[in-house]
N, C-alpha and C. Protein backbone atom coordinates (compact mmCIF):
# COMPACT_ATOMS: atom_id res chain seq x y z
N UNK A 1 5.00 -1.46 -20.05
CA UNK A 1 5.27 -0.07 -20.24
C UNK A 1 6.74 0.22 -20.54
N UNK A 2 7.59 -0.53 -19.89
CA UNK A 2 9.04 -0.25 -20.05
C UNK A 2 9.71 -1.06 -21.13
N UNK A 3 9.06 -2.10 -21.62
CA UNK A 3 9.58 -2.97 -22.65
C UNK A 3 10.97 -3.56 -22.30
N UNK A 4 11.14 -3.89 -21.05
CA UNK A 4 12.42 -4.50 -20.63
C UNK A 4 12.32 -6.07 -20.62
N UNK A 5 13.42 -6.66 -20.91
CA UNK A 5 13.47 -8.14 -20.86
C UNK A 5 14.11 -8.52 -19.49
N UNK A 6 13.55 -9.47 -18.83
CA UNK A 6 14.03 -9.86 -17.53
C UNK A 6 14.12 -11.40 -17.51
N UNK A 7 15.19 -11.97 -17.03
CA UNK A 7 15.40 -13.42 -16.95
C UNK A 7 15.71 -13.78 -15.55
N UNK A 8 15.18 -14.96 -15.11
CA UNK A 8 15.47 -15.51 -13.78
C UNK A 8 15.30 -17.06 -14.00
N UNK A 9 16.41 -17.73 -14.13
CA UNK A 9 16.39 -19.15 -14.45
C UNK A 9 16.41 -20.02 -13.20
N UNK A 10 16.50 -19.38 -12.01
CA UNK A 10 16.51 -20.18 -10.77
C UNK A 10 17.58 -21.27 -10.84
N UNK A 11 18.83 -20.88 -11.24
CA UNK A 11 19.96 -21.80 -11.31
C UNK A 11 19.68 -23.01 -12.20
N UNK A 12 19.17 -22.71 -13.43
CA UNK A 12 18.97 -23.73 -14.40
C UNK A 12 17.51 -24.33 -14.37
N UNK A 13 16.78 -24.10 -13.41
CA UNK A 13 15.37 -24.56 -13.38
C UNK A 13 14.52 -23.42 -13.92
N UNK A 14 14.30 -23.46 -15.18
CA UNK A 14 13.59 -22.36 -15.86
C UNK A 14 12.11 -22.27 -15.47
N UNK A 15 11.61 -21.10 -15.42
CA UNK A 15 10.18 -20.86 -15.15
C UNK A 15 9.47 -20.68 -16.52
N UNK A 16 8.28 -21.08 -16.59
CA UNK A 16 7.46 -20.81 -17.74
C UNK A 16 6.36 -19.79 -17.31
N UNK A 17 6.28 -18.75 -18.12
CA UNK A 17 5.37 -17.70 -17.82
C UNK A 17 4.45 -17.53 -19.04
N UNK A 18 3.17 -17.59 -18.79
CA UNK A 18 2.23 -17.39 -19.98
C UNK A 18 2.17 -15.85 -20.22
N UNK A 19 2.05 -15.46 -21.44
CA UNK A 19 1.92 -14.04 -21.84
C UNK A 19 0.53 -13.82 -22.32
N UNK A 20 -0.08 -12.89 -21.71
CA UNK A 20 -1.46 -12.51 -22.09
C UNK A 20 -1.44 -11.64 -23.30
N UNK A 21 -2.12 -11.97 -24.36
CA UNK A 21 -2.14 -11.24 -25.60
C UNK A 21 -3.21 -10.11 -25.65
N UNK A 22 -4.05 -10.10 -24.64
CA UNK A 22 -5.14 -9.14 -24.65
C UNK A 22 -4.60 -7.71 -24.50
N UNK A 23 -5.18 -6.80 -25.32
CA UNK A 23 -4.85 -5.42 -25.22
C UNK A 23 -6.03 -4.69 -24.67
N UNK A 24 -5.79 -3.83 -23.68
CA UNK A 24 -6.89 -3.11 -23.12
C UNK A 24 -7.44 -2.17 -24.18
N UNK A 25 -8.76 -1.92 -24.12
CA UNK A 25 -9.34 -0.95 -25.05
C UNK A 25 -8.83 0.45 -24.78
N UNK A 26 -8.91 1.34 -25.73
CA UNK A 26 -8.45 2.69 -25.57
C UNK A 26 -9.47 3.45 -24.72
N UNK A 27 -9.02 4.50 -24.03
CA UNK A 27 -9.93 5.37 -23.27
C UNK A 27 -10.92 6.05 -24.29
N UNK A 28 -12.19 6.15 -23.87
CA UNK A 28 -13.19 6.65 -24.80
C UNK A 28 -13.73 8.06 -24.42
N UNK A 29 -13.53 8.44 -23.19
CA UNK A 29 -14.08 9.73 -22.73
C UNK A 29 -13.29 10.20 -21.53
N UNK A 30 -13.15 11.52 -21.35
CA UNK A 30 -12.54 12.08 -20.12
C UNK A 30 -13.25 13.45 -19.92
N UNK A 31 -13.43 13.80 -18.63
CA UNK A 31 -14.10 15.06 -18.30
C UNK A 31 -14.38 15.12 -16.84
N UNK A 32 -15.48 15.83 -16.50
CA UNK A 32 -15.87 16.04 -15.09
C UNK A 32 -14.76 16.63 -14.25
N UNK A 33 -14.27 17.75 -14.70
CA UNK A 33 -13.16 18.41 -14.05
C UNK A 33 -13.60 19.04 -12.72
N UNK A 34 -12.73 18.99 -11.73
CA UNK A 34 -12.99 19.63 -10.46
C UNK A 34 -11.73 20.07 -9.80
N UNK A 35 -11.89 21.10 -8.92
CA UNK A 35 -10.74 21.56 -8.17
C UNK A 35 -10.91 21.17 -6.74
N UNK A 36 -9.84 20.74 -6.12
CA UNK A 36 -9.86 20.35 -4.69
C UNK A 36 -8.91 21.20 -3.95
N UNK A 37 -9.37 21.61 -2.75
CA UNK A 37 -8.51 22.52 -1.90
C UNK A 37 -8.42 21.93 -0.51
N UNK A 38 -7.28 22.05 0.05
CA UNK A 38 -7.11 21.57 1.43
C UNK A 38 -6.01 22.37 2.11
N UNK A 39 -5.70 22.01 3.29
CA UNK A 39 -4.65 22.72 4.08
C UNK A 39 -3.60 21.71 4.48
N UNK A 40 -2.51 22.23 5.00
CA UNK A 40 -1.42 21.42 5.53
C UNK A 40 -0.68 20.66 4.45
N UNK A 41 -0.46 19.36 4.67
CA UNK A 41 0.37 18.52 3.85
C UNK A 41 -0.44 17.88 2.66
N UNK A 42 -1.61 18.47 2.36
CA UNK A 42 -2.45 17.97 1.22
C UNK A 42 -2.97 16.61 1.54
N UNK A 43 -3.05 16.19 2.81
CA UNK A 43 -3.65 14.90 3.14
C UNK A 43 -5.12 14.90 2.97
N UNK A 44 -5.76 15.92 3.42
CA UNK A 44 -7.25 15.94 3.30
C UNK A 44 -7.62 17.19 2.42
N UNK A 45 -8.05 16.87 1.22
CA UNK A 45 -8.48 17.91 0.31
C UNK A 45 -10.03 17.94 0.49
N UNK A 46 -10.48 18.83 1.38
CA UNK A 46 -11.89 18.77 1.86
C UNK A 46 -12.84 19.69 1.15
N UNK A 47 -12.42 20.61 0.32
CA UNK A 47 -13.25 21.49 -0.39
C UNK A 47 -13.23 21.10 -1.90
N UNK A 48 -14.37 20.76 -2.49
CA UNK A 48 -14.39 20.43 -3.94
C UNK A 48 -15.35 21.30 -4.65
N UNK A 49 -14.97 21.71 -5.86
CA UNK A 49 -15.85 22.51 -6.71
C UNK A 49 -15.62 22.20 -8.18
N UNK A 50 -16.62 22.33 -8.97
CA UNK A 50 -16.47 22.18 -10.45
C UNK A 50 -15.46 23.21 -10.91
N UNK A 51 -14.69 22.78 -11.97
CA UNK A 51 -13.61 23.61 -12.49
C UNK A 51 -13.97 24.04 -13.91
N UNK A 52 -14.16 25.34 -14.15
CA UNK A 52 -14.44 25.75 -15.50
C UNK A 52 -13.19 25.71 -16.39
N UNK A 53 -13.40 25.85 -17.70
CA UNK A 53 -12.25 25.81 -18.66
C UNK A 53 -11.19 26.81 -18.31
N UNK A 54 -11.62 27.97 -17.83
CA UNK A 54 -10.59 29.01 -17.41
C UNK A 54 -11.03 29.34 -15.94
N UNK A 55 -10.01 29.12 -15.09
CA UNK A 55 -10.22 29.37 -13.63
C UNK A 55 -9.22 30.35 -13.13
N UNK A 56 -9.63 31.20 -12.14
CA UNK A 56 -8.75 32.20 -11.53
C UNK A 56 -8.23 31.68 -10.21
N UNK A 57 -6.97 32.01 -10.04
CA UNK A 57 -6.29 31.71 -8.72
C UNK A 57 -5.76 33.02 -8.16
N UNK A 58 -5.84 33.15 -6.84
CA UNK A 58 -5.33 34.35 -6.22
C UNK A 58 -4.16 33.90 -5.29
N UNK A 59 -3.46 34.88 -4.78
CA UNK A 59 -2.36 34.61 -3.86
C UNK A 59 -2.82 33.76 -2.67
N UNK A 60 -4.01 34.04 -2.13
CA UNK A 60 -4.51 33.25 -1.02
C UNK A 60 -4.76 31.79 -1.43
N UNK A 61 -5.20 31.54 -2.67
CA UNK A 61 -5.46 30.20 -3.12
C UNK A 61 -4.10 29.39 -3.07
N UNK A 62 -3.00 30.05 -3.40
CA UNK A 62 -1.71 29.38 -3.48
C UNK A 62 -1.07 29.11 -2.13
N UNK A 63 -1.73 29.62 -1.06
CA UNK A 63 -1.28 29.30 0.30
C UNK A 63 -1.78 28.00 0.81
N UNK A 64 -2.79 27.48 0.09
CA UNK A 64 -3.35 26.12 0.51
C UNK A 64 -2.99 25.13 -0.54
N UNK A 65 -3.26 23.86 -0.26
CA UNK A 65 -3.05 22.83 -1.16
C UNK A 65 -4.13 22.82 -2.21
N UNK A 66 -3.72 22.73 -3.51
CA UNK A 66 -4.63 22.77 -4.61
C UNK A 66 -4.41 21.56 -5.57
N UNK A 67 -5.49 20.98 -6.00
CA UNK A 67 -5.34 19.90 -6.95
C UNK A 67 -6.47 19.97 -7.98
N UNK A 68 -6.23 19.43 -9.19
CA UNK A 68 -7.17 19.32 -10.23
C UNK A 68 -7.37 17.87 -10.51
N UNK A 69 -8.66 17.44 -10.65
CA UNK A 69 -9.01 16.04 -10.96
C UNK A 69 -9.92 15.98 -12.20
N UNK A 70 -9.84 14.88 -12.87
CA UNK A 70 -10.70 14.58 -14.01
C UNK A 70 -11.00 13.08 -14.01
N UNK A 71 -12.14 12.73 -14.64
CA UNK A 71 -12.53 11.33 -14.74
C UNK A 71 -12.24 10.85 -16.17
N UNK A 72 -12.06 9.55 -16.24
CA UNK A 72 -11.79 8.88 -17.58
C UNK A 72 -12.61 7.60 -17.59
N UNK A 73 -13.14 7.24 -18.77
CA UNK A 73 -13.89 6.04 -18.98
C UNK A 73 -13.11 5.22 -20.00
N UNK A 74 -12.83 3.94 -19.63
CA UNK A 74 -12.22 2.96 -20.51
C UNK A 74 -13.13 1.72 -20.42
N UNK A 75 -13.98 1.48 -21.45
CA UNK A 75 -14.83 0.32 -21.36
C UNK A 75 -14.03 -0.96 -21.17
N UNK A 76 -14.50 -1.80 -20.19
CA UNK A 76 -13.86 -3.04 -19.84
C UNK A 76 -12.77 -2.89 -18.81
N UNK A 77 -12.31 -1.67 -18.56
CA UNK A 77 -11.25 -1.43 -17.55
C UNK A 77 -11.89 -0.66 -16.37
N UNK A 78 -12.32 0.54 -16.61
CA UNK A 78 -12.95 1.33 -15.52
C UNK A 78 -14.39 0.81 -15.19
N UNK A 79 -14.95 0.07 -16.08
CA UNK A 79 -16.26 -0.49 -15.88
C UNK A 79 -16.23 -1.88 -15.22
N UNK A 80 -15.06 -2.42 -15.03
CA UNK A 80 -14.90 -3.73 -14.45
C UNK A 80 -15.17 -3.71 -12.93
N UNK A 81 -15.51 -4.77 -12.34
CA UNK A 81 -15.80 -4.80 -10.91
C UNK A 81 -14.57 -4.57 -10.14
N UNK A 82 -13.47 -5.18 -10.53
CA UNK A 82 -12.15 -5.04 -9.88
C UNK A 82 -11.48 -3.73 -10.35
N UNK A 83 -10.98 -2.97 -9.43
CA UNK A 83 -10.25 -1.71 -9.73
C UNK A 83 -8.82 -2.07 -10.11
N UNK A 84 -8.35 -1.64 -11.29
CA UNK A 84 -6.98 -1.88 -11.70
C UNK A 84 -6.40 -0.62 -12.42
N UNK A 85 -6.06 0.40 -11.58
CA UNK A 85 -5.58 1.69 -12.22
C UNK A 85 -4.27 1.52 -12.91
N UNK A 86 -3.47 0.45 -12.67
CA UNK A 86 -2.24 0.28 -13.42
C UNK A 86 -2.40 -0.02 -14.83
N UNK A 87 -3.62 -0.36 -15.30
CA UNK A 87 -3.91 -0.63 -16.66
C UNK A 87 -3.87 0.68 -17.52
N UNK A 88 -3.99 1.79 -16.85
CA UNK A 88 -4.18 3.04 -17.47
C UNK A 88 -3.03 3.98 -17.15
N UNK A 89 -2.50 4.65 -18.19
CA UNK A 89 -1.46 5.69 -18.01
C UNK A 89 -2.16 7.03 -18.05
N UNK A 90 -1.80 7.93 -17.12
CA UNK A 90 -2.48 9.19 -17.05
C UNK A 90 -1.41 10.28 -16.79
N UNK A 91 -1.48 11.36 -17.55
CA UNK A 91 -0.50 12.44 -17.44
C UNK A 91 -1.19 13.83 -17.57
N UNK A 92 -0.57 14.76 -16.98
CA UNK A 92 -0.91 16.17 -17.21
C UNK A 92 0.19 16.74 -18.04
N UNK A 93 -0.19 17.56 -19.03
CA UNK A 93 0.86 18.29 -19.85
C UNK A 93 0.55 19.75 -19.56
N UNK A 94 1.51 20.45 -18.93
CA UNK A 94 1.26 21.86 -18.57
C UNK A 94 2.42 22.75 -18.92
N UNK A 95 2.09 24.04 -19.04
CA UNK A 95 3.11 25.06 -19.32
C UNK A 95 2.74 26.37 -18.63
N UNK A 96 3.79 26.97 -18.10
CA UNK A 96 3.60 28.34 -17.47
C UNK A 96 3.84 29.37 -18.51
N UNK A 97 2.92 30.28 -18.69
CA UNK A 97 3.08 31.48 -19.59
C UNK A 97 3.68 31.12 -20.97
N UNK A 98 3.20 30.00 -21.55
CA UNK A 98 3.64 29.69 -22.90
C UNK A 98 5.01 29.07 -23.01
N UNK A 99 5.67 28.76 -21.91
CA UNK A 99 6.94 28.16 -21.97
C UNK A 99 6.82 26.69 -22.36
N UNK A 100 7.93 25.99 -22.42
CA UNK A 100 7.93 24.58 -22.84
C UNK A 100 6.98 23.77 -22.01
N UNK A 101 6.23 22.86 -22.60
CA UNK A 101 5.30 21.99 -21.85
C UNK A 101 6.05 20.98 -21.01
N UNK A 102 5.46 20.72 -19.90
CA UNK A 102 6.02 19.71 -18.99
C UNK A 102 5.05 18.59 -18.76
N UNK A 103 5.43 17.38 -19.12
CA UNK A 103 4.56 16.22 -18.77
C UNK A 103 4.81 15.80 -17.33
N UNK A 104 3.75 15.30 -16.71
CA UNK A 104 3.87 14.84 -15.30
C UNK A 104 2.87 13.77 -15.09
N UNK A 105 3.18 12.70 -14.41
CA UNK A 105 2.23 11.60 -14.16
C UNK A 105 1.17 12.07 -13.19
N UNK A 106 0.00 11.57 -13.40
CA UNK A 106 -1.16 11.87 -12.50
C UNK A 106 -1.27 10.73 -11.51
N UNK A 107 -1.95 11.05 -10.43
CA UNK A 107 -2.18 10.04 -9.32
C UNK A 107 -3.55 9.57 -9.39
N UNK A 108 -3.74 8.27 -9.34
CA UNK A 108 -5.10 7.66 -9.27
C UNK A 108 -5.72 8.07 -7.90
N UNK A 109 -6.90 8.59 -7.96
CA UNK A 109 -7.53 9.01 -6.70
C UNK A 109 -8.85 8.29 -6.42
N UNK A 110 -9.28 7.39 -7.24
CA UNK A 110 -10.42 6.52 -6.92
C UNK A 110 -11.36 6.38 -8.07
N UNK A 111 -12.55 5.81 -7.76
CA UNK A 111 -13.59 5.58 -8.75
C UNK A 111 -14.68 6.57 -8.53
N UNK A 112 -15.36 6.89 -9.69
CA UNK A 112 -16.60 7.64 -9.63
C UNK A 112 -17.60 6.94 -10.60
N UNK A 113 -18.45 6.15 -10.03
CA UNK A 113 -19.32 5.33 -10.84
C UNK A 113 -18.54 4.34 -11.72
N UNK A 114 -18.59 4.44 -13.02
CA UNK A 114 -17.87 3.62 -13.90
C UNK A 114 -16.61 4.26 -14.48
N UNK A 115 -16.18 5.36 -13.84
CA UNK A 115 -15.04 6.09 -14.27
C UNK A 115 -13.92 5.98 -13.23
N UNK A 116 -12.68 6.19 -13.64
CA UNK A 116 -11.57 6.43 -12.68
C UNK A 116 -11.32 7.91 -12.57
N UNK A 117 -10.86 8.36 -11.41
CA UNK A 117 -10.49 9.79 -11.22
C UNK A 117 -8.98 9.81 -11.10
N UNK A 118 -8.37 10.81 -11.75
CA UNK A 118 -6.94 11.01 -11.64
C UNK A 118 -6.68 12.47 -11.22
N UNK A 119 -5.60 12.70 -10.41
CA UNK A 119 -5.36 13.95 -9.77
C UNK A 119 -4.02 14.52 -10.10
N UNK A 120 -3.98 15.82 -10.30
CA UNK A 120 -2.75 16.56 -10.48
C UNK A 120 -2.62 17.56 -9.29
N UNK A 121 -1.58 17.30 -8.50
CA UNK A 121 -1.27 18.21 -7.37
C UNK A 121 -0.61 19.42 -7.91
N UNK A 122 -1.20 20.55 -7.75
CA UNK A 122 -0.60 21.80 -8.30
C UNK A 122 0.74 22.15 -7.57
N UNK A 123 1.70 22.63 -8.25
CA UNK A 123 2.97 22.92 -7.58
C UNK A 123 2.92 24.36 -6.89
N UNK A 124 2.08 24.41 -5.86
CA UNK A 124 1.74 25.76 -5.30
C UNK A 124 3.02 26.44 -4.73
N UNK A 125 3.94 25.59 -4.14
CA UNK A 125 5.17 26.22 -3.65
C UNK A 125 5.97 26.92 -4.78
N UNK A 126 6.15 26.25 -5.91
CA UNK A 126 6.81 26.81 -7.02
C UNK A 126 6.09 28.09 -7.51
N UNK A 127 4.69 28.01 -7.56
CA UNK A 127 3.95 29.10 -8.09
C UNK A 127 3.99 30.32 -7.16
N UNK A 128 4.27 30.11 -5.87
CA UNK A 128 4.45 31.26 -4.97
C UNK A 128 5.76 31.93 -5.10
N UNK A 129 6.77 31.22 -5.72
CA UNK A 129 8.07 31.75 -5.77
C UNK A 129 8.47 32.44 -7.16
N UNK A 130 7.68 32.17 -8.16
CA UNK A 130 7.96 32.73 -9.49
C UNK A 130 6.83 33.61 -9.96
N UNK A 131 7.15 34.63 -10.79
CA UNK A 131 6.06 35.42 -11.38
C UNK A 131 5.43 34.60 -12.51
N UNK A 132 4.10 34.59 -12.59
CA UNK A 132 3.38 33.93 -13.64
C UNK A 132 1.98 34.56 -13.79
N UNK A 133 1.45 34.40 -14.95
CA UNK A 133 0.10 34.97 -15.21
C UNK A 133 -0.90 33.84 -15.60
N UNK A 134 -0.42 32.75 -16.27
CA UNK A 134 -1.32 31.71 -16.59
C UNK A 134 -0.66 30.35 -16.76
N UNK A 135 -1.41 29.35 -16.51
CA UNK A 135 -0.90 27.93 -16.77
C UNK A 135 -1.90 27.30 -17.69
N UNK A 136 -1.42 26.80 -18.80
CA UNK A 136 -2.24 26.01 -19.72
C UNK A 136 -1.98 24.53 -19.42
N UNK A 137 -3.02 23.72 -19.35
CA UNK A 137 -2.84 22.31 -19.08
C UNK A 137 -3.97 21.43 -19.73
N UNK A 138 -3.60 20.19 -19.94
CA UNK A 138 -4.57 19.20 -20.36
C UNK A 138 -4.15 17.90 -19.84
N UNK A 139 -5.11 16.96 -19.67
CA UNK A 139 -4.82 15.58 -19.27
C UNK A 139 -4.81 14.74 -20.46
N UNK A 140 -4.04 13.63 -20.37
CA UNK A 140 -4.02 12.65 -21.41
C UNK A 140 -3.95 11.22 -20.82
N UNK A 141 -4.69 10.35 -21.47
CA UNK A 141 -4.84 8.98 -20.92
C UNK A 141 -4.56 7.96 -22.03
N UNK A 142 -4.00 6.81 -21.67
CA UNK A 142 -3.66 5.80 -22.64
C UNK A 142 -3.62 4.47 -21.96
N UNK A 143 -3.82 3.42 -22.71
CA UNK A 143 -3.70 2.00 -22.20
C UNK A 143 -2.52 1.34 -22.84
N UNK A 144 -1.94 1.93 -23.91
CA UNK A 144 -0.86 1.34 -24.62
C UNK A 144 0.44 2.20 -24.66
N UNK A 145 0.31 3.46 -24.26
CA UNK A 145 1.44 4.39 -24.38
C UNK A 145 1.68 4.95 -25.75
N UNK A 146 0.90 4.56 -26.76
CA UNK A 146 1.04 5.04 -28.10
C UNK A 146 -0.09 5.96 -28.45
N UNK A 147 -1.28 5.49 -28.25
CA UNK A 147 -2.49 6.32 -28.59
C UNK A 147 -2.99 6.93 -27.29
N UNK A 148 -3.13 8.22 -27.30
CA UNK A 148 -3.53 8.94 -26.11
C UNK A 148 -4.84 9.68 -26.33
N UNK A 149 -5.74 9.67 -25.36
CA UNK A 149 -6.92 10.50 -25.37
C UNK A 149 -6.62 11.76 -24.63
N UNK A 150 -6.67 12.91 -25.32
CA UNK A 150 -6.34 14.18 -24.70
C UNK A 150 -7.66 14.84 -24.26
N UNK A 151 -7.63 15.45 -23.13
CA UNK A 151 -8.84 16.10 -22.57
C UNK A 151 -8.43 17.49 -22.05
N UNK A 152 -9.12 18.48 -22.56
CA UNK A 152 -8.88 19.87 -22.19
C UNK A 152 -10.15 20.57 -22.05
N UNK A 153 -10.30 21.72 -22.75
CA UNK A 153 -11.56 22.50 -22.67
C UNK A 153 -12.69 21.76 -23.28
N UNK A 154 -13.85 21.89 -22.65
CA UNK A 154 -15.03 21.27 -23.13
C UNK A 154 -15.58 21.94 -24.45
N UNK A 155 -15.26 23.19 -24.64
CA UNK A 155 -15.93 23.92 -25.61
C UNK A 155 -15.29 24.06 -26.99
N UNK A 156 -14.01 23.71 -27.11
CA UNK A 156 -13.41 23.90 -28.39
C UNK A 156 -12.14 23.04 -28.56
N UNK A 157 -11.70 23.04 -29.87
CA UNK A 157 -10.41 22.41 -30.12
C UNK A 157 -9.67 23.37 -31.05
N UNK A 158 -8.38 23.21 -31.18
CA UNK A 158 -7.55 24.11 -31.92
C UNK A 158 -6.77 23.33 -32.99
N UNK A 159 -7.04 23.53 -34.27
CA UNK A 159 -6.37 22.81 -35.34
C UNK A 159 -6.38 21.33 -35.15
N UNK A 160 -7.53 20.82 -34.76
CA UNK A 160 -7.67 19.34 -34.57
C UNK A 160 -7.05 18.89 -33.28
N UNK A 161 -6.50 19.69 -32.46
CA UNK A 161 -5.93 19.34 -31.15
C UNK A 161 -6.82 19.93 -30.08
N UNK A 162 -6.72 19.28 -28.94
CA UNK A 162 -7.49 19.73 -27.74
C UNK A 162 -6.97 21.06 -27.28
N UNK A 163 -7.83 21.99 -27.06
CA UNK A 163 -7.49 23.33 -26.48
C UNK A 163 -7.27 23.13 -24.98
N UNK A 164 -6.14 23.47 -24.48
CA UNK A 164 -5.87 23.26 -23.03
C UNK A 164 -6.73 24.15 -22.15
N UNK A 165 -6.95 23.70 -20.95
CA UNK A 165 -7.63 24.43 -19.92
C UNK A 165 -6.67 25.51 -19.35
N UNK A 166 -7.11 26.51 -18.65
CA UNK A 166 -6.23 27.56 -18.22
C UNK A 166 -6.51 27.91 -16.75
N UNK A 167 -5.38 28.12 -16.03
CA UNK A 167 -5.49 28.67 -14.67
C UNK A 167 -4.85 30.11 -14.77
N UNK A 168 -5.59 31.08 -14.39
CA UNK A 168 -5.05 32.46 -14.45
C UNK A 168 -4.81 33.01 -13.04
N UNK A 169 -3.65 33.70 -12.94
CA UNK A 169 -3.27 34.21 -11.67
C UNK A 169 -3.90 35.66 -11.48
N UNK A 170 -4.66 35.84 -10.48
CA UNK A 170 -5.33 37.09 -10.18
C UNK A 170 -4.60 37.80 -9.09
N UNK A 171 -3.95 38.91 -9.43
CA UNK A 171 -3.15 39.67 -8.40
C UNK A 171 -4.09 40.23 -7.29
N UNK A 172 -3.61 40.16 -6.05
CA UNK A 172 -4.37 40.75 -4.97
C UNK A 172 -4.27 42.26 -5.07
N UNK A 173 -5.39 42.96 -4.67
CA UNK A 173 -5.33 44.47 -4.80
C UNK A 173 -4.40 45.05 -3.75
């Protein structure tokens, strides 16, 4: 991932390291979106629900821990018996009210059948402090850092690009 060269000759006694030429296949599918809710330090996210393309959040939602998860399938990687989430790079790209997009690494949260699940912890503390009306976001997955599978709304795309999913802020009456 970092393309850094590292040497350690052990004071003249060189090591030989074999380099594996295999390239992991590209991600082929992503979806199964869900919202997780918990309390406290976000240790236990105990409430899970399917997440539509456009979801509403209220002030009370932002008082608890909130996360968004999605699954990804990479044949030969997520389908292998051994779990190796480091083979896969996963990011969320999000923007508040149309401002500049922010990429952020996702956290591996486990397996679901032959898929891996990745989680985005929503910045609820930040969202309580600033005025906002919507957050557009999509997840992207890659095994090589060059070619990315983008996942957003299930229903449409925009000019050949994935249409992001949306979180809308619903003001309390």
